[in-house]
N, C-alpha and C. Protein backbone atom coordinates (compact mmCIF):
# COMPACT_ATOMS: atom_id res chain seq x y z
N MET A 1 7.14 -9.95 21.40
CA MET A 1 7.01 -9.78 19.91
C MET A 1 6.09 -8.54 19.68
N ASN A 2 6.59 -7.67 19.15
CA ASN A 2 5.61 -6.40 18.79
C ASN A 2 4.63 -6.56 18.01
N GLY A 3 3.63 -5.80 17.71
CA GLY A 3 2.58 -5.94 16.87
C GLY A 3 2.99 -6.26 15.54
N GLN A 4 3.87 -5.53 14.88
CA GLN A 4 4.28 -5.69 13.45
C GLN A 4 5.14 -6.89 13.12
N ASN A 5 5.99 -7.38 14.27
CA ASN A 5 6.36 -8.67 13.78
C ASN A 5 5.33 -9.66 13.99
N LYS A 6 4.30 -9.62 14.80
CA LYS A 6 3.71 -10.67 14.95
C LYS A 6 2.71 -10.71 13.56
N THR A 7 2.35 -9.36 12.85
CA THR A 7 1.64 -9.02 11.54
C THR A 7 2.92 -10.04 10.41
N ILE A 8 3.83 -9.89 10.57
CA ILE A 8 4.72 -10.54 9.64
C ILE A 8 4.76 -12.02 9.86
N GLU A 9 4.77 -12.53 11.19
CA GLU A 9 4.63 -13.75 11.41
C GLU A 9 3.32 -14.42 10.84
N TYR A 10 2.14 -13.88 11.03
CA TYR A 10 1.06 -14.13 10.60
C TYR A 10 0.89 -14.17 9.12
N TYR A 11 1.61 -13.36 8.11
CA TYR A 11 1.69 -13.75 6.78
C TYR A 11 2.61 -14.84 6.40
N ASN A 12 3.74 -14.75 6.93
CA ASN A 12 4.41 -15.82 6.80
C ASN A 12 3.64 -17.35 6.81
N ASN A 13 3.02 -17.56 7.88
CA ASN A 13 2.36 -18.63 8.40
C ASN A 13 1.10 -18.93 7.53
N HIS A 14 0.79 -17.81 6.72
CA HIS A 14 -0.52 -17.87 6.27
C HIS A 14 -0.45 -17.48 4.37
N ALA A 15 0.80 -17.32 4.15
CA ALA A 15 0.95 -16.78 2.64
C ALA A 15 0.20 -17.12 1.56
N GLU A 16 0.13 -18.45 1.52
CA GLU A 16 -0.59 -19.07 0.36
C GLU A 16 -2.03 -18.86 0.48
N GLU A 17 -2.54 -18.90 1.52
CA GLU A 17 -4.14 -18.62 2.01
C GLU A 17 -4.52 -17.44 1.82
N PHE A 18 -3.63 -16.30 2.00
CA PHE A 18 -4.07 -15.17 2.01
C PHE A 18 -3.74 -14.79 0.52
N CYS A 19 -2.95 -15.00 -0.31
CA CYS A 19 -2.56 -14.32 -1.36
C CYS A 19 -3.62 -15.07 -2.34
N VAL A 20 -4.00 -16.31 -2.18
CA VAL A 20 -5.11 -16.99 -3.19
C VAL A 20 -6.40 -16.32 -2.96
N ALA A 21 -6.77 -15.96 -1.54
CA ALA A 21 -7.77 -15.14 -1.25
C ALA A 21 -8.01 -13.75 -1.69
N THR A 22 -6.91 -13.22 -2.01
CA THR A 22 -6.92 -11.85 -2.21
C THR A 22 -6.38 -11.32 -3.91
N LYS A 23 -5.80 -12.36 -4.47
CA LYS A 23 -5.41 -12.13 -5.84
C LYS A 23 -6.48 -11.71 -6.83
N ASP A 24 -7.44 -12.24 -6.80
CA ASP A 24 -8.51 -11.93 -7.72
C ASP A 24 -9.36 -10.68 -7.40
N ALA A 25 -9.18 -9.93 -6.47
CA ALA A 25 -10.15 -8.87 -5.84
C ALA A 25 -9.92 -8.02 -6.88
N ASP A 26 -11.17 -7.19 -7.18
CA ASP A 26 -11.37 -6.07 -8.20
C ASP A 26 -11.00 -4.84 -7.93
N MET A 27 -9.86 -4.32 -8.12
CA MET A 27 -9.45 -3.03 -7.66
C MET A 27 -9.49 -2.00 -8.90
N SER A 28 -10.02 -2.47 -9.82
CA SER A 28 -9.87 -1.44 -11.20
C SER A 28 -10.59 -0.27 -10.95
N TYR A 29 -11.66 -0.20 -10.15
CA TYR A 29 -11.88 1.50 -9.55
C TYR A 29 -10.63 2.60 -9.23
N CYS A 30 -9.95 1.93 -8.34
CA CYS A 30 -8.78 2.66 -7.51
C CYS A 30 -7.47 2.75 -8.43
N TYR A 31 -7.46 1.63 -9.58
CA TYR A 31 -6.28 1.55 -10.19
C TYR A 31 -6.53 2.65 -11.22
N GLU A 32 -7.95 3.20 -11.68
CA GLU A 32 -8.07 4.00 -12.45
C GLU A 32 -8.01 5.32 -12.17
N LYS A 33 -8.29 5.39 -10.65
CA LYS A 33 -7.93 6.75 -10.09
C LYS A 33 -6.35 7.07 -9.97
N PHE A 34 -5.85 6.01 -9.50
CA PHE A 34 -4.34 6.30 -9.55
C PHE A 34 -3.57 6.19 -10.86
N GLU A 35 -4.03 5.79 -11.91
CA GLU A 35 -3.29 5.77 -13.08
C GLU A 35 -3.58 6.98 -13.86
N GLN A 36 -4.38 7.72 -13.40
CA GLN A 36 -4.77 8.77 -14.09
C GLN A 36 -3.96 9.98 -13.87
N TYR A 37 -3.21 9.75 -13.04
CA TYR A 37 -2.15 11.00 -12.46
C TYR A 37 -0.57 10.38 -12.76
N VAL A 38 -0.36 9.07 -12.98
CA VAL A 38 0.87 8.54 -12.99
C VAL A 38 1.36 8.62 -14.52
N ASN A 39 2.62 9.12 -14.79
CA ASN A 39 3.06 9.07 -16.29
C ASN A 39 3.07 7.57 -16.83
N PRO A 40 2.25 7.51 -18.20
CA PRO A 40 2.40 6.26 -18.62
C PRO A 40 3.75 5.72 -18.95
N GLN A 41 3.92 4.20 -18.59
CA GLN A 41 5.30 3.49 -18.81
C GLN A 41 6.02 4.05 -17.51
N GLY A 42 5.54 5.06 -16.57
CA GLY A 42 6.43 5.28 -15.46
C GLY A 42 6.76 3.98 -14.46
N LYS A 43 7.66 4.62 -13.56
CA LYS A 43 8.01 3.67 -12.67
C LYS A 43 7.38 3.70 -11.30
N ILE A 44 6.60 2.76 -10.93
CA ILE A 44 5.84 2.34 -9.72
C ILE A 44 6.65 1.29 -8.41
N LEU A 45 6.49 1.94 -7.52
CA LEU A 45 6.71 1.01 -6.18
C LEU A 45 5.70 0.56 -5.67
N ASP A 46 5.69 -0.73 -5.51
CA ASP A 46 4.17 -1.33 -4.78
C ASP A 46 4.69 -1.67 -3.53
N VAL A 47 4.33 -1.13 -2.29
CA VAL A 47 4.58 -1.28 -1.20
C VAL A 47 3.85 -2.24 -0.33
N GLY A 48 4.29 -3.20 0.06
CA GLY A 48 3.20 -4.44 0.77
C GLY A 48 2.60 -5.15 -0.33
N CYS A 49 3.14 -5.56 -1.05
CA CYS A 49 2.49 -6.13 -2.40
C CYS A 49 1.66 -7.25 -2.34
N GLY A 50 1.87 -7.92 -1.33
CA GLY A 50 0.75 -9.01 -1.24
C GLY A 50 0.90 -10.30 -2.23
N SER A 51 -0.11 -10.49 -2.74
CA SER A 51 0.20 -11.53 -3.71
C SER A 51 0.47 -11.31 -4.97
N GLY A 52 0.71 -10.10 -4.99
CA GLY A 52 1.41 -9.26 -6.39
C GLY A 52 0.27 -8.84 -7.67
N ARG A 53 -0.94 -8.69 -7.08
CA ARG A 53 -2.19 -8.56 -7.64
C ARG A 53 -1.91 -7.15 -8.53
N ASP A 54 -1.73 -6.28 -7.75
CA ASP A 54 -1.73 -4.83 -8.27
C ASP A 54 -0.38 -4.74 -9.18
N SER A 55 0.67 -5.35 -8.80
CA SER A 55 1.77 -5.17 -9.60
C SER A 55 1.78 -5.60 -10.85
N LYS A 56 0.99 -7.00 -10.84
CA LYS A 56 0.78 -7.75 -12.04
C LYS A 56 0.00 -6.77 -12.95
N ARG A 57 -1.24 -6.32 -12.68
CA ARG A 57 -1.91 -5.16 -13.11
C ARG A 57 -0.83 -4.13 -14.06
N PHE A 58 0.05 -3.49 -13.04
CA PHE A 58 0.38 -2.34 -13.40
C PHE A 58 1.55 -2.74 -14.66
N ILE A 59 2.18 -3.95 -14.34
CA ILE A 59 3.08 -4.50 -15.41
C ILE A 59 2.71 -4.50 -16.71
N GLU A 60 1.17 -5.16 -16.56
CA GLU A 60 0.29 -5.40 -17.87
C GLU A 60 0.05 -4.14 -18.52
N ALA A 61 -0.18 -2.75 -17.78
CA ALA A 61 -0.33 -1.57 -18.18
C ALA A 61 0.77 -0.85 -18.75
N GLY A 62 1.96 -1.41 -18.87
CA GLY A 62 3.05 -0.81 -19.32
C GLY A 62 3.95 -0.03 -18.48
N TYR A 63 3.75 0.01 -17.25
CA TYR A 63 4.56 0.42 -16.16
C TYR A 63 5.87 -0.59 -15.88
N GLN A 64 6.89 0.26 -14.99
CA GLN A 64 7.99 -0.58 -14.79
C GLN A 64 7.54 -0.26 -13.10
N VAL A 65 7.66 -1.69 -12.58
CA VAL A 65 7.15 -1.98 -11.41
C VAL A 65 8.44 -2.67 -10.41
N GLU A 66 8.46 -2.10 -9.50
CA GLU A 66 9.22 -2.38 -8.18
C GLU A 66 8.14 -2.97 -7.05
N ALA A 67 8.63 -4.28 -6.64
CA ALA A 67 7.38 -4.60 -5.43
C ALA A 67 8.04 -5.03 -4.27
N ILE A 68 7.83 -4.59 -3.36
CA ILE A 68 8.38 -4.98 -1.77
C ILE A 68 6.89 -5.75 -0.83
N ASP A 69 7.61 -6.54 0.06
CA ASP A 69 6.44 -7.01 0.74
C ASP A 69 7.46 -7.30 2.12
N ALA A 70 6.88 -7.25 3.50
CA ALA A 70 7.51 -7.65 4.82
C ALA A 70 7.70 -8.95 5.01
N SER A 71 6.88 -9.74 4.16
CA SER A 71 6.71 -11.30 4.63
C SER A 71 7.52 -12.28 3.43
N GLU A 72 8.42 -12.59 4.01
CA GLU A 72 9.19 -13.51 2.93
C GLU A 72 8.41 -14.67 2.07
N GLU A 73 7.67 -15.24 3.08
CA GLU A 73 6.58 -15.90 2.32
C GLU A 73 5.95 -15.41 1.43
N ILE A 74 5.19 -14.34 1.61
CA ILE A 74 4.40 -13.63 0.28
C ILE A 74 5.40 -13.24 -0.50
N CYS A 75 6.60 -12.91 -0.50
CA CYS A 75 7.45 -12.36 -1.40
C CYS A 75 7.71 -13.61 -2.66
N LYS A 76 7.84 -14.85 -1.86
CA LYS A 76 8.24 -15.95 -2.90
C LYS A 76 6.68 -16.16 -3.68
N PHE A 77 5.67 -16.22 -3.08
CA PHE A 77 4.35 -16.39 -3.93
C PHE A 77 4.33 -15.19 -4.98
N ALA A 78 4.45 -14.02 -4.67
CA ALA A 78 4.13 -12.90 -5.51
C ALA A 78 5.30 -13.00 -6.79
N SER A 79 6.76 -13.35 -5.99
CA SER A 79 7.73 -13.36 -7.32
C SER A 79 7.22 -14.28 -8.27
N GLU A 80 6.59 -15.30 -8.29
CA GLU A 80 6.26 -16.34 -9.13
C GLU A 80 5.01 -15.77 -9.71
N TYR A 81 4.08 -15.20 -9.29
CA TYR A 81 2.95 -14.61 -9.55
C TYR A 81 2.98 -13.80 -10.71
N ILE A 82 4.03 -12.48 -10.53
CA ILE A 82 4.50 -11.43 -11.37
C ILE A 82 5.46 -11.73 -12.27
N GLY A 83 6.16 -12.92 -12.03
CA GLY A 83 7.27 -13.13 -13.00
C GLY A 83 8.42 -12.25 -12.76
N GLN A 84 8.92 -11.83 -11.58
CA GLN A 84 9.85 -10.98 -11.45
C GLN A 84 10.17 -11.10 -9.78
N GLN A 85 11.40 -10.72 -9.32
CA GLN A 85 11.58 -10.92 -8.27
C GLN A 85 10.77 -9.54 -7.10
N VAL A 86 10.45 -10.04 -6.19
CA VAL A 86 9.68 -9.09 -4.90
C VAL A 86 10.94 -9.09 -4.03
N LYS A 87 11.01 -7.89 -3.38
CA LYS A 87 12.12 -7.80 -2.26
C LYS A 87 11.24 -8.11 -1.02
N CYS A 88 12.27 -8.63 -0.40
CA CYS A 88 11.68 -8.85 1.06
C CYS A 88 12.11 -7.55 1.90
N ARG A 89 11.21 -6.80 2.11
CA ARG A 89 11.67 -5.37 2.78
C ARG A 89 10.56 -4.59 3.60
N ARG A 90 10.83 -4.17 4.82
CA ARG A 90 9.68 -3.26 5.37
C ARG A 90 9.52 -2.05 4.99
N VAL A 91 8.50 -1.43 4.98
CA VAL A 91 8.60 -0.04 4.36
C VAL A 91 9.71 0.96 5.22
N GLU A 92 9.56 0.88 6.27
CA GLU A 92 10.46 1.55 7.13
C GLU A 92 11.70 1.36 6.96
N GLU A 93 12.11 0.15 6.02
CA GLU A 93 13.37 0.08 5.55
C GLU A 93 14.01 0.83 4.35
N ILE A 94 13.21 1.26 3.56
CA ILE A 94 13.56 1.70 2.48
C ILE A 94 14.48 3.07 2.28
N THR A 95 15.21 3.18 1.19
CA THR A 95 16.17 4.27 1.11
C THR A 95 15.83 4.65 -0.24
N TYR A 96 15.01 4.62 -0.85
CA TYR A 96 14.51 5.34 -2.30
C TYR A 96 14.89 6.91 -1.88
N GLU A 97 15.49 7.57 -3.09
CA GLU A 97 15.17 8.89 -3.40
C GLU A 97 15.07 9.12 -4.60
N ASN A 98 13.92 10.02 -5.13
CA ASN A 98 13.64 10.75 -6.25
C ASN A 98 13.67 9.63 -7.29
N GLU A 99 13.02 8.75 -7.10
CA GLU A 99 13.16 7.28 -7.97
C GLU A 99 11.43 6.94 -8.83
N PHE A 100 10.48 7.42 -8.07
CA PHE A 100 9.36 6.68 -8.64
C PHE A 100 8.37 7.92 -8.92
N ASP A 101 7.71 7.54 -10.15
CA ASP A 101 6.61 8.17 -10.62
C ASP A 101 5.53 8.03 -9.84
N GLY A 102 5.53 6.96 -9.05
CA GLY A 102 4.08 6.73 -8.45
C GLY A 102 4.38 5.35 -7.28
N ILE A 103 3.59 5.55 -6.31
CA ILE A 103 3.98 4.64 -5.32
C ILE A 103 2.41 3.97 -4.92
N TRP A 104 2.21 2.62 -4.66
CA TRP A 104 0.97 2.12 -4.55
C TRP A 104 1.17 1.33 -3.19
N ALA A 105 0.27 1.92 -2.47
CA ALA A 105 0.50 1.41 -0.64
C ALA A 105 -0.96 1.00 -0.32
N CYS A 106 -1.53 0.16 -0.86
CA CYS A 106 -2.55 -0.77 -0.91
C CYS A 106 -2.79 -1.75 0.13
N ALA A 107 -3.52 -1.07 1.27
CA ALA A 107 -4.00 -1.78 2.59
C ALA A 107 -2.47 -2.59 2.95
N SER A 108 -1.71 -1.46 3.20
CA SER A 108 -0.39 -2.28 3.51
C SER A 108 0.26 -1.24 4.57
N LEU A 109 0.09 -0.03 4.69
CA LEU A 109 0.62 0.93 5.76
C LEU A 109 -0.58 1.05 6.97
N LEU A 110 -1.52 0.21 6.82
CA LEU A 110 -2.66 0.01 8.31
C LEU A 110 -1.69 -0.83 9.08
N HIS A 111 -0.79 -1.56 8.77
CA HIS A 111 -0.17 -2.27 9.95
C HIS A 111 0.90 -1.33 10.54
N ILE A 112 1.19 -0.26 10.15
CA ILE A 112 2.08 0.81 10.94
C ILE A 112 1.50 1.42 12.18
N LYS A 113 2.29 1.34 13.11
CA LYS A 113 1.83 2.19 14.39
C LYS A 113 1.65 3.75 13.95
N LYS A 114 0.53 4.24 14.70
CA LYS A 114 0.40 5.65 14.59
C LYS A 114 1.33 6.59 14.72
N GLU A 115 1.98 6.46 15.42
CA GLU A 115 2.86 7.52 15.77
C GLU A 115 4.10 7.20 14.98
N GLU A 116 4.17 6.13 14.03
CA GLU A 116 5.23 6.12 13.06
C GLU A 116 4.72 6.41 11.73
N MET A 117 3.62 6.74 11.57
CA MET A 117 2.99 7.05 10.13
C MET A 117 3.51 7.97 9.52
N SER A 118 3.86 9.14 10.22
CA SER A 118 4.23 10.68 9.65
C SER A 118 5.50 10.12 8.98
N ALA A 119 6.58 9.64 9.77
CA ALA A 119 7.58 9.23 9.30
C ALA A 119 8.10 8.29 8.05
N VAL A 120 6.90 7.71 8.19
CA VAL A 120 6.73 6.34 6.94
C VAL A 120 6.24 7.25 5.52
N ILE A 121 5.43 7.97 5.85
CA ILE A 121 5.09 8.90 4.65
C ILE A 121 6.12 9.82 4.42
N GLU A 122 7.00 10.49 5.12
CA GLU A 122 8.17 11.22 4.57
C GLU A 122 9.03 10.35 3.75
N LYS A 123 9.16 8.95 4.29
CA LYS A 123 10.48 8.08 3.55
C LYS A 123 9.58 7.77 1.95
N LEU A 124 8.38 7.68 1.87
CA LEU A 124 7.82 7.69 0.69
C LEU A 124 7.82 8.77 -0.26
N CYS A 125 7.58 10.02 0.55
CA CYS A 125 7.61 11.23 -0.35
C CYS A 125 8.95 11.28 -1.02
N ARG A 126 9.94 11.23 -0.04
CA ARG A 126 11.82 11.04 -0.72
C ARG A 126 11.70 10.35 -1.76
N ALA A 127 11.20 9.06 -1.75
CA ALA A 127 11.29 8.03 -2.80
C ALA A 127 10.68 8.47 -4.25
N LEU A 128 9.62 9.35 -4.26
CA LEU A 128 8.78 9.86 -5.28
C LEU A 128 9.87 11.36 -6.08
N LYS A 129 9.51 11.17 -7.42
CA LYS A 129 10.19 12.32 -8.13
C LYS A 129 8.95 13.57 -7.91
N LYS A 130 9.27 14.66 -8.32
CA LYS A 130 8.50 15.88 -8.59
C LYS A 130 7.16 15.32 -9.39
N ASN A 131 6.27 15.82 -8.56
CA ASN A 131 4.92 15.58 -9.33
C ASN A 131 4.65 14.13 -9.41
N GLY A 132 5.10 13.46 -8.34
CA GLY A 132 5.15 11.79 -8.40
C GLY A 132 3.84 11.53 -7.35
N ILE A 133 3.29 10.33 -7.45
CA ILE A 133 1.97 10.29 -6.70
C ILE A 133 1.82 8.97 -5.76
N LEU A 134 1.41 9.46 -4.62
CA LEU A 134 1.14 8.38 -3.83
C LEU A 134 -0.12 8.14 -3.26
N TYR A 135 -0.74 6.59 -3.72
CA TYR A 135 -1.77 6.16 -3.17
C TYR A 135 -1.60 5.46 -2.01
N ALA A 136 -2.40 5.43 -1.05
CA ALA A 136 -2.54 4.63 0.06
C ALA A 136 -3.88 4.49 0.33
N SER A 137 -4.07 3.17 1.42
CA SER A 137 -5.57 2.87 1.47
C SER A 137 -5.55 2.42 2.98
N TYR A 138 -6.61 2.51 4.03
CA TYR A 138 -6.53 2.42 5.46
C TYR A 138 -8.13 1.76 5.37
N LYS A 139 -8.23 1.03 6.41
CA LYS A 139 -9.80 0.87 6.85
C LYS A 139 -10.16 1.98 7.56
N LEU A 140 -11.32 2.35 7.31
CA LEU A 140 -12.05 3.57 7.98
C LEU A 140 -12.56 3.30 9.14
N GLY A 141 -12.28 3.97 10.12
CA GLY A 141 -12.22 3.97 11.54
C GLY A 141 -11.40 4.93 12.56
N SER A 142 -11.11 4.16 13.84
CA SER A 142 -10.22 5.01 14.43
C SER A 142 -9.59 4.35 15.58
N GLN A 143 -9.78 2.73 15.57
CA GLN A 143 -9.24 1.88 16.47
C GLN A 143 -7.69 1.72 16.07
N GLU A 144 -7.13 1.16 17.03
CA GLU A 144 -5.98 0.66 16.77
C GLU A 144 -5.86 -0.81 17.37
N ARG A 145 -5.67 -1.90 16.93
CA ARG A 145 -6.17 -3.22 17.23
C ARG A 145 -5.54 -4.47 16.66
N PHE A 146 -5.55 -5.55 17.49
CA PHE A 146 -5.37 -6.70 16.79
C PHE A 146 -6.79 -7.57 16.20
N ALA A 147 -6.57 -8.13 15.13
CA ALA A 147 -7.69 -9.00 14.79
C ALA A 147 -7.02 -10.12 13.55
N ASP A 148 -7.82 -11.18 13.70
CA ASP A 148 -7.04 -12.49 13.03
C ASP A 148 -5.77 -12.27 13.00
N GLY A 149 -4.96 -12.24 14.37
CA GLY A 149 -3.31 -12.41 14.40
C GLY A 149 -2.59 -11.12 13.81
N ARG A 150 -3.22 -9.95 13.34
CA ARG A 150 -2.46 -9.01 12.93
C ARG A 150 -2.58 -7.72 13.59
N PHE A 151 -1.81 -6.79 13.60
CA PHE A 151 -2.24 -5.62 14.01
C PHE A 151 -2.61 -4.47 13.05
N PHE A 152 -3.51 -3.73 13.39
CA PHE A 152 -4.24 -2.79 12.49
C PHE A 152 -4.12 -1.27 13.11
N ASN A 153 -4.21 -0.54 12.24
CA ASN A 153 -4.26 0.76 12.49
C ASN A 153 -5.53 1.59 11.53
N ASP A 154 -6.70 1.87 12.02
CA ASP A 154 -7.52 2.30 11.23
C ASP A 154 -7.95 4.03 11.39
N TYR A 155 -8.03 4.68 10.41
CA TYR A 155 -8.19 5.98 10.53
C TYR A 155 -9.39 6.66 9.95
N THR A 156 -9.88 8.01 10.24
CA THR A 156 -10.83 8.56 9.81
C THR A 156 -10.06 9.50 8.80
N GLU A 157 -10.97 10.16 7.95
CA GLU A 157 -10.44 11.32 7.03
C GLU A 157 -9.91 12.19 7.80
N LYS A 158 -10.29 12.72 8.74
CA LYS A 158 -9.75 14.02 9.38
C LYS A 158 -8.39 13.70 10.10
N GLU A 159 -8.05 12.55 10.39
CA GLU A 159 -7.00 11.85 11.13
C GLU A 159 -5.68 12.12 9.93
N MET A 160 -6.58 11.35 8.73
CA MET A 160 -5.13 10.87 7.73
C MET A 160 -4.90 12.38 6.98
N ARG A 161 -6.07 13.27 6.91
CA ARG A 161 -5.54 14.45 6.20
C ARG A 161 -4.72 15.26 7.13
N GLU A 162 -4.75 15.33 8.45
CA GLU A 162 -3.74 15.98 9.50
C GLU A 162 -2.32 15.55 9.18
N ILE A 163 -2.12 14.04 9.09
CA ILE A 163 -1.19 13.74 8.76
C ILE A 163 -0.32 13.93 7.59
N PHE A 164 -1.11 13.85 6.38
CA PHE A 164 -0.43 13.97 4.93
C PHE A 164 -0.08 15.54 4.82
N SER A 165 -1.17 16.54 5.82
CA SER A 165 -0.82 17.85 5.49
C SER A 165 0.52 18.28 6.29
N LYS A 166 1.10 17.69 7.08
CA LYS A 166 2.31 18.03 7.75
C LYS A 166 3.39 17.55 6.85
N GLN A 167 3.22 16.84 5.89
CA GLN A 167 4.19 16.79 4.95
C GLN A 167 4.70 17.76 4.27
N LYS A 168 6.03 18.40 4.40
CA LYS A 168 6.05 19.44 3.68
C LYS A 168 6.29 19.06 2.16
N GLY A 169 5.44 19.60 0.79
CA GLY A 169 5.52 19.28 -0.34
C GLY A 169 4.99 18.30 -0.96
N LEU A 170 3.62 18.14 0.06
CA LEU A 170 2.81 17.01 -0.57
C LEU A 170 1.54 17.47 -0.31
N GLU A 171 0.76 17.15 -1.39
CA GLU A 171 -0.71 17.76 -1.67
C GLU A 171 -1.66 16.82 -1.78
N ILE A 172 -2.88 16.63 -0.93
CA ILE A 172 -3.85 15.61 -1.49
C ILE A 172 -4.52 15.98 -2.52
N ILE A 173 -4.60 15.02 -3.43
CA ILE A 173 -5.56 15.39 -4.60
C ILE A 173 -6.83 14.74 -4.44
N GLU A 174 -6.95 13.74 -3.80
CA GLU A 174 -8.29 12.88 -3.71
C GLU A 174 -8.44 12.18 -2.41
N CYS A 175 -9.32 12.16 -1.76
CA CYS A 175 -9.47 11.41 -0.59
C CYS A 175 -11.11 10.92 -0.53
N PHE A 176 -11.51 9.59 -0.77
CA PHE A 176 -12.52 8.90 -1.23
C PHE A 176 -12.72 7.58 -0.22
N VAL A 177 -14.06 7.23 0.05
CA VAL A 177 -14.01 6.11 0.90
C VAL A 177 -15.17 5.09 -0.13
N THR A 178 -14.35 3.89 0.04
CA THR A 178 -15.03 2.53 -0.93
C THR A 178 -15.40 1.71 -0.20
N GLU A 179 -16.11 0.66 -0.54
CA GLU A 179 -16.82 -0.42 -0.01
C GLU A 179 -15.32 -1.58 -0.11
N ASP A 180 -15.24 -2.73 0.76
CA ASP A 180 -14.39 -3.65 0.32
C ASP A 180 -14.86 -4.57 -0.72
N VAL A 181 -14.04 -4.55 -1.65
CA VAL A 181 -14.45 -5.47 -3.19
C VAL A 181 -14.55 -6.81 -2.70
N ARG A 182 -14.38 -7.47 -1.78
CA ARG A 182 -14.78 -8.81 -1.61
C ARG A 182 -16.06 -8.89 -0.81
N LYS A 183 -16.85 -9.91 -1.65
CA LYS A 183 -18.26 -9.81 -1.51
C LYS A 183 -18.63 -10.02 0.11
N GLU A 184 -17.94 -10.81 0.71
CA GLU A 184 -18.32 -11.35 2.14
C GLU A 184 -17.95 -10.46 3.12
N ARG A 185 -17.31 -9.02 2.66
CA ARG A 185 -16.86 -7.96 3.21
C ARG A 185 -17.29 -6.57 3.06
N LYS A 186 -18.51 -6.62 2.13
CA LYS A 186 -19.06 -5.18 1.70
C LYS A 186 -19.37 -4.41 2.85
N CYS A 187 -19.49 -4.86 4.09
CA CYS A 187 -19.72 -3.75 5.16
C CYS A 187 -18.74 -2.85 5.40
N GLU A 188 -17.44 -3.72 5.30
CA GLU A 188 -16.12 -2.69 5.49
C GLU A 188 -15.85 -1.60 4.71
N LYS A 189 -15.54 -0.53 5.36
CA LYS A 189 -15.14 0.50 4.06
C LYS A 189 -13.72 0.85 4.37
N TRP A 190 -13.05 1.46 3.24
CA TRP A 190 -12.00 1.67 3.07
C TRP A 190 -11.69 3.16 2.89
N LEU A 191 -10.55 3.63 3.50
CA LEU A 191 -9.94 5.28 3.03
C LEU A 191 -9.23 5.07 2.29
N ASN A 192 -9.07 5.81 1.12
CA ASN A 192 -8.09 5.81 -0.05
C ASN A 192 -7.76 7.47 -0.16
N ILE A 193 -6.47 7.76 -0.14
CA ILE A 193 -5.96 8.88 -0.54
C ILE A 193 -4.81 8.93 -1.68
N ILE A 194 -5.20 9.70 -2.36
CA ILE A 194 -3.95 10.37 -3.39
C ILE A 194 -3.62 11.39 -3.24
N ALA A 195 -2.32 11.74 -3.06
CA ALA A 195 -1.19 12.84 -3.00
C ALA A 195 -0.34 12.88 -4.04
N GLU A 196 0.06 14.06 -4.16
CA GLU A 196 1.21 15.01 -5.10
C GLU A 196 2.25 15.24 -4.46
N VAL A 197 3.37 14.97 -4.98
CA VAL A 197 4.68 15.48 -4.31
C VAL A 197 4.90 16.84 -5.11
N ILE A 198 4.92 18.12 -4.86
CA ILE A 198 4.86 19.34 -5.59
C ILE A 198 6.20 19.88 -5.10
């Protein structure tokens, strides 16, 4: 079983525990950064939505939201939490074109292998309308690793800028580092990127 399949198996086996532990995390700083660039009432794709925490926020703020996650069990929890169906789909499987004003990929693309990241970013770009906004967050670092039964890829700002800059028609607007919002993990740092399809 490869790393990504093991990661999905982990989330299927720990869905409720994971969702309960993360659904109240305060992401308001990153929401505000993202929302200032996305058309009000626009359409957002939440990639790897987890508990549905962020989808719920965007729905309540007046956006149209489509949410996907690779874990069937997490999709069940999130569907109930946000009051609409969450599609069970890997980001590698999406086929949207020119459909979304914004894509939110919070702590989800970090489970993708480094050699596959450019192709995934390209898929996400195709799913965005012109001037559409992509937000993605990764753990700050440089390792490819297994931790707590999951596969992770950490990135430095330099690495991430190189990957994003290779995408034709995609321009980085902001790149910033934040502390983990969970009190017990404050020592962990996150790399956040906001880019626009031009």
